């Protein structure tokens, strides 16, 4: 009797322990995704922009370091311009010279027009005298020839003016070209970004197209994930998404789908599981809104891993385990410990 009771008690305890263990195991399992939500792993990425010199030359000054945050139009580097400045001075002198030639040609035209007017009067007078036989044939012919010469001179001076005007345009174009080259010697940041690599140093001589720095374009922060065909075909550009970063799992960043590849591909090596790498998947880009990224620019680091949840069905409910969005302003960092003096 006592043995039976002991066995029943032991069985009851074992069942209770097993039930408790089973409930604990269930509590540790991830909540299943709602219908209409796709998920993919990825890393934070940004477009890389190379800032390069348009012309060959020596780096005169380099004003940024790796890690610096730069604004659009900020001066990054300056190329040596001594030869260009000398060429500009020469081109400006040439322009001034041909402009003087234009002034001289205009003066010559005025003189030729005056001479022509005089020759026309003399020719008209000779015509009148010729009609009354009051002038010798030789004198009449001389007046007519002088008129023809004056007309030819006027045509020649006008042609010379056109030539000089073309020369002015060519000289002015040369000045503008050198001024453009001088402006191109100032290498400016094309976008807001962070200096990822400094590829040249002060004093280096670079060929045309030589790279100075590589920037991360912080106006285009995104995560690439890979979805199977059944999820990819339901994913539209503009679909809502939530991104949970490994370093801040308590938040779910708002995002949108900005690209869905039209072609399937094998997933790359950085995808976590071998099974997933063996499948043909579709690349999907999930972009973080620039206005939400702005307050966190100083803290954003490319390469941070995370998980993107994509709403392939606009009516689907988000998983309840997703946290709130990131605060409008980043929380203050904890002060670093310092050694006592």
Protein backbone atom coordinates (compact mmCIF):
# COMPACT_ATOMS: atom_id res chain seq x y z
CA UNK A 1 0.00 0.00 0.00
CA UNK A 2 2.69 2.43 1.02
CA UNK A 3 4.75 1.42 -2.01
CA UNK A 4 1.84 2.18 -4.32
CA UNK A 5 1.32 5.61 -2.77
CA UNK A 6 5.01 6.39 -3.11
CA UNK A 7 4.94 5.40 -6.76
CA UNK A 8 1.91 7.59 -7.39
CA UNK A 9 3.56 10.52 -5.66
CA UNK A 10 6.76 10.01 -7.65
CA UNK A 11 4.77 9.78 -10.88
CA UNK A 12 2.89 12.96 -9.97
CA UNK A 13 6.14 14.79 -9.28
CA UNK A 14 7.65 13.59 -12.55
CA UNK A 15 4.57 14.70 -14.49
CA UNK A 16 4.62 18.09 -12.77
CA UNK A 17 8.34 18.54 -13.50
CA UNK A 18 7.85 17.47 -17.11
CA UNK A 19 4.90 19.82 -17.53
CA UNK A 20 6.88 22.69 -16.03
CA UNK A 21 9.82 21.93 -18.32
CA UNK A 22 7.56 21.75 -21.34
CA UNK A 23 5.97 25.10 -20.47
CA UNK A 24 9.42 26.64 -19.96
CA UNK A 25 10.54 25.31 -23.34
CA UNK A 26 7.45 26.77 -24.97
CA UNK A 27 8.11 30.13 -23.34
CA UNK A 28 11.59 30.18 -24.86
CA UNK A 29 10.39 29.52 -28.38
CA UNK A 30 10.08 32.55 -30.68
CA UNK A 31 6.58 33.73 -31.38
CA UNK A 32 5.48 32.51 -34.81
CA UNK A 33 5.31 35.23 -37.43
CA UNK A 34 1.84 36.44 -38.39
CA UNK A 35 0.62 35.59 -41.87
CA UNK A 36 1.77 38.27 -44.33
CA UNK A 37 5.08 39.07 -42.58
CA UNK A 38 8.38 37.99 -44.20
CA UNK A 39 11.71 38.05 -42.41
CA UNK A 40 15.35 38.18 -43.48
CA UNK A 41 18.77 38.71 -41.95
CA UNK A 42 21.18 41.36 -43.14
CA UNK A 43 23.64 44.10 -42.29
CA UNK A 44 23.49 47.86 -42.29
CA UNK A 45 25.01 49.16 -45.52
CA UNK A 46 25.51 52.51 -47.23
CA UNK A 47 26.47 53.59 -50.75
CA UNK A 48 30.19 54.22 -51.12
CA UNK A 49 31.21 57.32 -53.08
CA UNK A 50 34.76 57.84 -54.34
CA UNK A 51 36.00 61.43 -54.50
CA UNK A 52 38.63 61.63 -57.23
CA UNK A 53 40.68 64.26 -59.03
CA UNK A 54 39.56 65.08 -62.56
CA UNK A 55 43.05 66.05 -63.71
CA UNK A 56 46.52 64.76 -62.98
CA UNK A 57 48.41 66.69 -60.33
CA UNK A 58 49.89 66.84 -56.85
CA UNK A 59 47.77 66.84 -53.70
CA UNK A 60 48.37 70.25 -52.16
CA UNK A 61 46.18 69.83 -49.09
CA UNK A 62 44.02 67.09 -47.55
CA UNK A 63 41.54 68.37 -44.99
CA UNK A 64 39.71 65.28 -43.69
CA UNK A 65 40.55 62.16 -41.73
CA UNK A 66 39.02 58.73 -41.70
CA UNK A 67 35.85 58.80 -39.65
CA UNK A 68 35.13 62.50 -40.22
CA UNK A 69 31.55 63.50 -40.99
CA UNK A 70 31.39 65.82 -44.02
CA UNK A 71 28.59 67.98 -45.39
CA UNK A 72 27.65 68.49 -49.07
CA UNK A 73 30.02 71.00 -50.67
CA UNK A 74 32.59 70.77 -47.88
CA UNK A 75 36.19 71.12 -49.08
CA UNK A 76 37.94 67.76 -48.81
CA UNK A 77 41.20 68.32 -50.67
CA UNK A 78 42.99 70.87 -52.84
CA UNK A 79 45.20 70.02 -55.80
CA UNK A 80 48.30 72.02 -56.77
CA UNK A 81 47.30 74.83 -59.15
CA UNK A 82 50.55 76.74 -59.83
CA UNK A 83 50.67 75.70 -63.49
CA UNK A 84 46.98 76.41 -63.95
CA UNK A 85 47.32 79.85 -62.38
CA UNK A 86 50.19 80.66 -64.77
CA UNK A 87 48.15 79.39 -67.71
CA UNK A 88 45.19 81.51 -66.57
CA UNK A 89 47.34 84.64 -66.43
CA UNK A 90 48.60 83.95 -69.95
CA UNK A 91 45.09 83.29 -71.26
CA UNK A 92 43.77 86.48 -69.67
CA UNK A 93 46.61 88.46 -71.29
CA UNK A 94 45.79 86.89 -74.65
CA UNK A 95 42.13 87.81 -74.17
CA UNK A 96 43.03 91.42 -73.39
CA UNK A 97 45.22 91.55 -76.51
CA UNK A 98 42.53 90.31 -78.88
CA UNK A 99 39.98 92.63 -77.26
CA UNK A 100 42.31 95.52 -78.14
CA UNK A 101 42.50 94.15 -81.67
CA UNK A 102 38.70 94.31 -81.83
CA UNK A 103 38.81 97.96 -80.78
CA UNK A 104 41.41 98.64 -83.48
CA UNK A 105 39.35 96.80 -86.09
CA UNK A 106 36.29 98.87 -85.19
CA UNK A 107 38.37 102.05 -85.57
CA UNK A 108 39.58 100.83 -88.98
CA UNK A 109 35.98 100.25 -90.04
CA UNK A 110 35.05 103.80 -89.03
CA UNK A 111 37.96 105.16 -91.09
CA UNK A 112 37.08 102.95 -94.07
CA UNK A 113 33.46 104.11 -93.92
CA UNK A 114 34.63 107.73 -93.87
CA UNK A 115 36.97 107.11 -96.82
CA UNK A 116 34.17 105.38 -98.72
CA UNK A 117 31.81 108.29 -98.14
CA UNK A 118 34.44 110.67 -99.51
CA UNK A 119 35.12 108.46 -102.55
CA UNK A 120 31.38 108.20 -103.25
CA UNK A 121 31.10 112.01 -103.32
CA UNK A 122 34.12 112.30 -105.61
CA UNK A 123 32.77 109.60 -107.91
CA UNK A 124 29.37 111.31 -108.08
CA UNK A 125 31.04 114.63 -108.90
CA UNK A 126 33.12 112.92 -111.57
CA UNK A 127 29.94 111.43 -113.06
CA UNK A 128 28.44 114.91 -113.33
CA UNK A 129 31.59 116.36 -114.89
CA UNK A 130 31.88 113.40 -117.24
CA UNK A 131 28.36 114.02 -118.51
CA UNK A 132 29.31 117.57 -119.52
CA UNK A 133 32.73 116.52 -120.82
CA UNK A 134 34.33 118.72 -118.16
CA UNK A 135 36.70 116.01 -116.95
CA UNK A 136 39.29 113.88 -118.64
CA UNK A 137 38.63 110.17 -119.00
CA UNK A 138 41.72 109.33 -116.93
CA UNK A 139 40.57 111.51 -114.04
CA UNK A 140 37.11 109.98 -114.19
CA UNK A 141 38.49 106.43 -114.17
CA UNK A 142 40.75 107.31 -111.25
CA UNK A 143 37.73 108.47 -109.23
CA UNK A 144 35.80 105.29 -110.06
CA UNK A 145 38.80 103.10 -109.16
CA UNK A 146 39.28 104.99 -105.88
CA UNK A 147 35.63 104.25 -105.03
CA UNK A 148 36.14 100.55 -105.72
CA UNK A 149 39.26 100.50 -103.55
CA UNK A 150 37.37 102.21 -100.69
CA UNK A 151 34.57 99.66 -100.96
CA UNK A 152 37.08 96.80 -100.89
CA UNK A 153 38.88 98.31 -97.91
CA UNK A 154 35.62 98.54 -95.97
CA UNK A 155 34.84 94.89 -96.72
CA UNK A 156 38.33 93.87 -95.61
CA UNK A 157 38.13 95.79 -92.33
CA UNK A 158 34.72 94.24 -91.57
CA UNK A 159 36.15 90.78 -92.24
CA UNK A 160 39.07 91.58 -89.95
CA UNK A 161 36.63 92.61 -87.22
CA UNK A 162 34.78 89.30 -87.53
CA UNK A 163 38.08 87.44 -87.28
CA UNK A 164 39.04 89.36 -84.16
CA UNK A 165 35.61 88.76 -82.61
CA UNK A 166 36.06 85.03 -83.16
CA UNK A 167 39.50 85.32 -81.57
CA UNK A 168 37.93 87.03 -78.55
CA UNK A 169 35.42 84.20 -78.18
CA UNK A 170 38.19 81.61 -78.41
CA UNK A 171 40.36 83.44 -75.88
CA UNK A 172 37.41 83.87 -73.50
CA UNK A 173 36.61 80.15 -73.83
CA UNK A 174 40.22 79.35 -72.96
CA UNK A 175 39.96 81.53 -69.85
CA UNK A 176 36.72 79.83 -68.80
CA UNK A 177 38.24 76.39 -69.37
CA UNK A 178 41.20 77.14 -67.11
CA UNK A 179 38.91 78.69 -64.50
CA UNK A 180 36.87 75.47 -64.58
CA UNK A 181 40.03 73.44 -64.10
CA UNK A 182 40.94 75.63 -61.14
CA UNK A 183 37.50 75.02 -59.66
CA UNK A 184 37.91 71.28 -60.27
CA UNK A 185 41.15 71.43 -58.29
CA UNK A 186 38.99 71.98 -55.20
CA UNK A 187 37.57 68.56 -54.34
CA UNK A 188 34.22 68.95 -52.56
CA UNK A 189 32.05 66.40 -50.79
CA UNK A 190 29.21 65.45 -53.18
CA UNK A 191 26.91 64.39 -50.35
CA UNK A 192 26.67 64.14 -46.61
CA UNK A 193 28.75 61.22 -45.49
CA UNK A 194 31.49 59.76 -43.38
CA UNK A 195 35.07 59.35 -44.57
CA UNK A 196 35.59 55.60 -44.84
CA UNK A 197 39.06 55.52 -46.43
CA UNK A 198 41.73 58.14 -47.02
CA UNK A 199 43.36 56.91 -50.22
CA UNK A 200 45.98 59.63 -50.79
CA UNK A 201 48.20 61.89 -48.74
CA UNK A 202 49.50 65.42 -49.09
CA UNK A 203 52.25 65.66 -51.68
CA UNK A 204 51.26 62.58 -53.67
CA UNK A 205 51.08 62.95 -57.44
CA UNK A 206 47.93 61.39 -58.86
CA UNK A 207 46.90 60.60 -62.39
CA UNK A 208 43.60 61.78 -63.81
CA UNK A 209 40.84 59.98 -61.94
CA UNK A 210 43.07 59.28 -58.93
CA UNK A 211 40.98 58.64 -55.81
CA UNK A 212 41.42 60.87 -52.76
CA UNK A 213 38.88 59.51 -50.27
CA UNK A 214 35.94 57.11 -50.12
CA UNK A 215 32.77 58.36 -48.43
CA UNK A 216 29.82 56.49 -47.03
CA UNK A 217 26.68 58.24 -48.27
CA UNK A 218 24.68 58.60 -45.06
CA UNK A 219 21.63 59.79 -46.98
CA UNK A 220 21.12 56.21 -48.23
CA UNK A 221 21.27 53.77 -45.29
CA UNK A 222 19.76 50.38 -46.03
CA UNK A 223 19.78 46.67 -45.26
CA UNK A 224 19.82 43.95 -47.90
CA UNK A 225 17.94 40.74 -47.14
CA UNK A 226 17.10 37.69 -49.20
CA UNK A 227 13.57 36.36 -49.50
CA UNK A 228 12.21 33.18 -51.09
CA UNK A 229 10.10 33.46 -54.21
CA UNK A 230 6.75 33.14 -52.45
CA UNK A 231 7.55 36.16 -50.26
CA UNK A 232 9.41 38.16 -52.93
CA UNK A 233 6.52 38.10 -55.40
CA UNK A 234 4.28 39.62 -52.72
CA UNK A 235 6.78 42.31 -51.79
CA UNK A 236 6.15 45.66 -53.48
CA UNK A 237 8.31 48.75 -53.64
CA UNK A 238 7.22 50.91 -50.72
CA UNK A 239 6.14 48.01 -48.52
CA UNK A 240 6.47 48.79 -44.83
CA UNK A 241 9.25 47.13 -42.85
CA UNK A 242 10.69 47.01 -39.36
CA UNK A 243 14.40 46.50 -38.67
CA UNK A 244 15.69 45.14 -35.37
CA UNK A 245 19.44 45.57 -34.82
CA UNK A 246 21.45 43.13 -32.76
CA UNK A 247 22.96 46.02 -30.79
CA UNK A 248 19.54 47.49 -29.90
CA UNK A 249 16.98 44.67 -29.89
CA UNK A 250 14.57 46.71 -27.76
CA UNK A 251 13.74 48.95 -30.75
CA UNK A 252 12.26 48.30 -34.19
CA UNK A 253 13.35 50.90 -36.74
CA UNK A 254 10.77 52.02 -39.29
CA UNK A 255 11.80 51.31 -42.89
CA UNK A 256 10.45 50.76 -46.41
CA UNK A 257 11.28 48.43 -49.27
CA UNK A 258 13.15 50.42 -51.92
CA UNK A 259 14.24 47.62 -54.27
CA UNK A 260 13.23 44.06 -55.16
CA UNK A 261 15.51 42.18 -57.53
CA UNK A 262 13.77 40.91 -60.67
CA UNK A 263 16.16 37.94 -60.81
CA UNK A 264 16.72 35.07 -58.40
CA UNK A 265 20.23 34.30 -57.18
CA UNK A 266 22.07 32.12 -54.73
CA UNK A 267 22.35 33.93 -51.44
CA UNK A 268 25.80 35.26 -50.52
CA UNK A 269 28.16 33.85 -47.91
CA UNK A 270 27.19 36.33 -45.21
CA UNK A 271 23.74 34.74 -44.90
CA UNK A 272 23.86 32.88 -41.61
CA UNK A 273 22.68 29.35 -42.42
CA UNK A 274 24.04 26.93 -45.00
CA UNK A 275 20.50 25.84 -45.92
CA UNK A 276 19.60 29.40 -46.87
CA UNK A 277 22.81 29.80 -48.91
CA UNK A 278 21.86 26.77 -50.99
CA UNK A 279 18.54 28.29 -52.06
CA UNK A 280 17.71 30.61 -54.90
CA UNK A 281 16.48 33.80 -53.30
CA UNK A 282 15.54 37.34 -54.30
CA UNK A 283 17.55 40.32 -53.07
CA UNK A 284 15.45 42.97 -51.33
CA UNK A 285 16.68 46.35 -50.14
CA UNK A 286 15.05 47.87 -47.06
CA UNK A 287 15.84 51.57 -46.71
CA UNK A 288 15.80 53.57 -43.50
CA UNK A 289 14.17 57.03 -43.88
CA UNK A 290 16.86 59.77 -43.98
CA UNK A 291 14.89 61.96 -41.57
CA UNK A 292 14.91 59.15 -39.00
CA UNK A 293 18.59 58.43 -39.58
CA UNK A 294 19.63 62.08 -39.20
CA UNK A 295 19.72 62.22 -35.36
CA UNK A 296 21.79 59.02 -35.25
CA UNK A 297 24.44 59.89 -37.84
CA UNK A 298 27.21 59.99 -35.25
CA UNK A 299 26.35 56.47 -34.08
CA UNK A 300 25.53 54.65 -37.30
CA UNK A 301 28.10 52.01 -38.24
CA UNK A 302 27.87 49.93 -41.39
CA UNK A 303 28.14 46.20 -40.92
CA UNK A 304 25.83 46.05 -37.88
CA UNK A 305 23.71 42.91 -38.14
CA UNK A 306 19.98 42.83 -37.80
CA UNK A 307 16.69 41.32 -38.85
CA UNK A 308 14.20 42.94 -41.21
CA UNK A 309 10.49 42.16 -40.94
CA UNK A 310 8.63 43.04 -44.15
CA UNK A 311 4.88 43.50 -44.47
CA UNK A 312 4.16 41.60 -47.69
CA UNK A 313 0.45 41.90 -46.92
CA UNK A 314 -0.56 45.53 -46.16
CA UNK A 315 -3.24 44.27 -43.74
CA UNK A 316 -0.93 41.98 -41.79
CA UNK A 317 -0.37 42.68 -38.09
CA UNK A 318 3.14 43.26 -36.84
CA UNK A 319 4.54 40.65 -34.43
CA UNK A 320 3.82 41.60 -30.84
CA UNK A 321 7.44 41.03 -29.83
CA UNK A 322 8.66 43.98 -31.93
CA UNK A 323 9.68 46.92 -29.80
CA UNK A 324 8.81 50.60 -30.27
CA UNK A 325 10.56 52.79 -32.85
CA UNK A 326 13.82 54.48 -32.03
CA UNK A 327 13.42 57.73 -30.05
CA UNK A 328 13.48 60.96 -32.05
CA UNK A 329 16.76 61.78 -30.34
CA UNK A 330 19.35 59.17 -29.33
CA UNK A 331 19.59 58.51 -25.60
CA UNK A 332 22.59 60.02 -23.83
CA UNK A 333 25.60 57.75 -23.66
CA UNK A 334 26.72 56.61 -20.23
CA UNK A 335 29.81 58.53 -19.07
CA UNK A 336 33.03 56.60 -19.42
CA UNK A 337 34.83 55.60 -16.26
CA UNK A 338 38.04 57.50 -15.62
CA UNK A 339 40.97 56.54 -13.46
CA UNK A 340 41.31 58.40 -10.19
CA UNK A 341 44.20 60.81 -10.13
